[in-house]
Protein backbone atom coordinates (compact mmCIF):
# COMPACT_ATOMS: atom_id res chain seq x y z
CA MET A 1 87.02 99.55 67.19
CA SER A 2 83.89 101.68 66.98
CA SER A 3 83.60 104.98 68.80
CA GLN A 4 80.71 103.47 70.77
CA SER A 5 82.86 100.59 72.08
CA THR A 6 85.69 103.05 72.77
CA ALA A 7 83.31 105.18 74.83
CA ARG A 8 82.15 102.12 76.75
CA GLY A 9 85.77 101.14 77.46
CA GLY A 10 86.40 104.62 78.85
CA GLN A 11 83.26 104.39 80.97
CA GLY A 12 84.38 101.00 82.29
CA ARG A 13 87.78 102.39 83.27
CA SER A 14 86.11 105.39 84.92
CA ALA A 15 83.80 103.09 86.87
CA LEU A 16 86.76 100.96 88.01
CA LYS A 17 88.69 104.07 89.09
CA PHE A 18 85.66 105.29 91.03
CA PHE A 19 85.14 101.88 92.66
CA GLY A 20 88.84 101.73 93.58
CA SER A 21 88.69 105.21 95.14
CA VAL A 22 85.62 104.33 97.21
CA HIS A 23 87.16 101.00 98.19
CA ARG A 24 90.40 102.66 99.40
CA TRP A 25 88.48 105.35 101.29
CA LEU A 26 86.19 102.85 103.08
CA TYR A 27 89.08 100.48 103.80
CA ARG A 28 91.11 103.24 105.44
CA LEU A 29 88.12 104.74 107.26
CA THR A 30 87.15 101.39 108.82
CA GLY A 31 90.56 99.75 109.13
CA GLY A 32 89.48 97.13 106.62
CA ALA A 33 86.16 96.26 108.30
CA ILE A 34 84.58 97.45 105.04
CA GLY A 35 86.55 96.46 101.95
CA GLY A 36 88.78 94.01 103.81
CA ARG A 37 87.32 91.02 101.96
CA PHE A 38 86.61 90.55 98.27
CA ARG A 39 85.49 87.44 96.36
CA GLY A 40 86.27 85.25 99.38
CA GLY A 41 89.78 86.60 99.96
CA GLU A 42 91.29 89.11 102.34
CA THR A 43 92.43 92.41 100.86
CA LEU A 44 95.24 94.83 101.51
CA LEU A 45 96.09 98.19 100.03
CA LEU A 46 99.31 98.22 98.00
CA THR A 47 101.01 101.56 97.35
CA THR A 48 103.76 101.66 94.73
CA LEU A 49 105.57 104.47 92.96
CA GLY A 50 104.44 104.92 89.36
CA ARG A 51 107.28 103.86 87.07
CA LYS A 52 106.54 106.74 84.67
CA THR A 53 105.22 109.45 86.99
CA GLY A 54 106.99 108.69 90.27
CA GLN A 55 103.66 109.36 92.00
CA ALA A 56 102.22 107.08 94.68
CA ARG A 57 99.53 104.73 93.35
CA THR A 58 97.34 102.57 95.61
CA TRP A 59 95.36 99.45 94.70
CA PRO A 60 93.16 97.17 96.79
CA LEU A 61 94.31 93.60 96.19
CA ILE A 62 93.52 90.14 97.47
CA TYR A 63 96.47 88.70 99.38
CA PHE A 64 97.59 85.39 100.82
CA ARG A 65 99.82 84.83 103.84
CA ASP A 66 102.87 82.60 103.54
CA GLY A 67 104.68 82.65 106.85
CA ASN A 68 105.63 86.27 107.54
CA THR A 69 105.21 87.32 103.89
CA PHE A 70 102.25 88.47 101.84
CA VAL A 71 101.62 87.10 98.34
CA ILE A 72 99.68 89.04 95.71
CA VAL A 73 98.57 87.81 92.29
CA GLY A 74 99.13 89.76 89.06
CA SER A 75 96.11 88.23 87.34
CA ASN A 76 94.65 91.46 85.95
CA GLY A 77 91.33 89.61 85.66
CA GLY A 78 92.81 87.14 83.17
CA GLN A 79 93.79 89.82 80.66
CA ASP A 80 96.86 89.38 78.47
CA THR A 81 98.55 92.45 79.97
CA HIS A 82 100.21 92.79 83.35
CA PRO A 83 98.59 95.07 85.91
CA ALA A 84 100.24 98.48 86.37
CA TRP A 85 101.06 97.77 90.03
CA TYR A 86 103.10 94.72 88.97
CA LEU A 87 105.11 96.75 86.45
CA ASN A 88 105.65 99.40 89.13
CA LEU A 89 106.97 96.77 91.58
CA VAL A 90 109.33 95.36 88.95
CA SER A 91 110.66 98.89 88.39
CA GLN A 92 110.80 99.79 92.11
CA PRO A 93 110.44 96.84 94.51
CA THR A 94 110.03 98.93 97.67
CA ALA A 95 106.37 99.55 98.48
CA THR A 96 103.91 100.04 101.33
CA ILE A 97 100.98 97.85 102.27
CA GLU A 98 98.08 98.48 104.58
CA VAL A 99 96.56 95.43 106.22
CA GLY A 100 93.68 96.57 108.36
CA ARG A 101 95.09 99.50 110.33
CA GLN A 102 98.67 98.19 110.12
CA ARG A 103 100.96 99.95 107.64
CA LEU A 104 104.12 98.10 106.55
CA ARG A 105 107.02 98.93 104.27
CA VAL A 106 107.78 95.88 102.11
CA GLN A 107 110.28 94.60 99.58
CA ALA A 108 108.81 92.76 96.60
CA LYS A 109 110.23 89.88 94.64
CA GLN A 110 108.64 87.70 92.02
CA ALA A 111 108.09 84.05 92.88
CA ALA A 112 109.77 81.62 90.49
CA GLY A 113 110.25 77.89 89.97
CA ALA A 114 109.16 75.50 92.71
CA GLU A 115 108.28 78.35 95.05
CA ARG A 116 105.88 79.82 92.49
CA GLU A 117 104.33 76.42 91.84
CA ARG A 118 103.80 75.82 95.59
CA LEU A 119 102.23 79.25 96.04
CA TRP A 120 100.07 78.91 92.89
CA GLN A 121 98.68 75.60 94.19
CA MET A 122 97.85 77.24 97.55
CA ILE A 123 96.19 80.21 95.81
CA THR A 124 94.07 78.22 93.34
CA ARG A 125 93.03 75.75 96.04
CA THR A 126 91.85 78.66 98.21
CA LEU A 127 90.29 80.80 95.44
CA PRO A 128 89.67 78.67 92.32
CA PHE A 129 88.75 81.65 90.12
CA TYR A 130 92.49 82.34 89.75
CA ALA A 131 92.81 79.04 87.84
CA GLU A 132 90.09 80.31 85.50
CA TYR A 133 92.07 83.54 84.96
CA GLU A 134 95.09 81.40 84.06
CA LYS A 135 93.06 79.73 81.29
CA MET A 136 92.01 83.14 79.90
CA THR A 137 95.50 84.52 79.33
CA ARG A 138 98.58 83.53 77.34
CA ARG A 139 100.99 84.96 79.91
CA GLU A 140 102.17 83.38 83.12
CA ILE A 141 100.40 85.16 85.94
CA PRO A 142 103.09 86.62 88.21
CA LEU A 143 103.04 86.13 91.95
CA MET A 144 104.75 88.81 94.00
CA ILE A 145 106.07 88.07 97.46
CA LEU A 146 106.01 91.06 99.79
CA THR A 147 108.40 90.83 102.72
CA PRO A 148 107.99 93.40 105.51
CA GLU A 149 111.13 95.37 106.35
CA GLU A 150 112.45 95.06 109.89
CA GLY A 151 111.67 97.90 112.28
């Protein structure tokens, strides 16, 4: 990899970090009125504990409702690597989500088997670009089910 392409990769990551910071700030400031929708889907803010640092990390993510649970997609834009938030949830399944102005503590579990297939069909029917991401990667895109804790 050339130093020029390495520099561009760093610039891309910096731009994504900046966009994510602005997105989180606007979402929280407006209760999701700004930043509450992205690419045709509704967004939430997911806060996990970093598996290496133990520090809170927050990502804006598109979500789907399935009864009283929230489903998020570990597509990572179709890349062959899992997103950091997914790895954090696997390591520590307790997290917090913000949906509009509502803040909920959730327990995460990965969808599997027939449940995953049902959810994947719902997701790709609603937002077909996820099916395109599936074609771009060799890994199975994980679906995480977030169940709010009682109380």
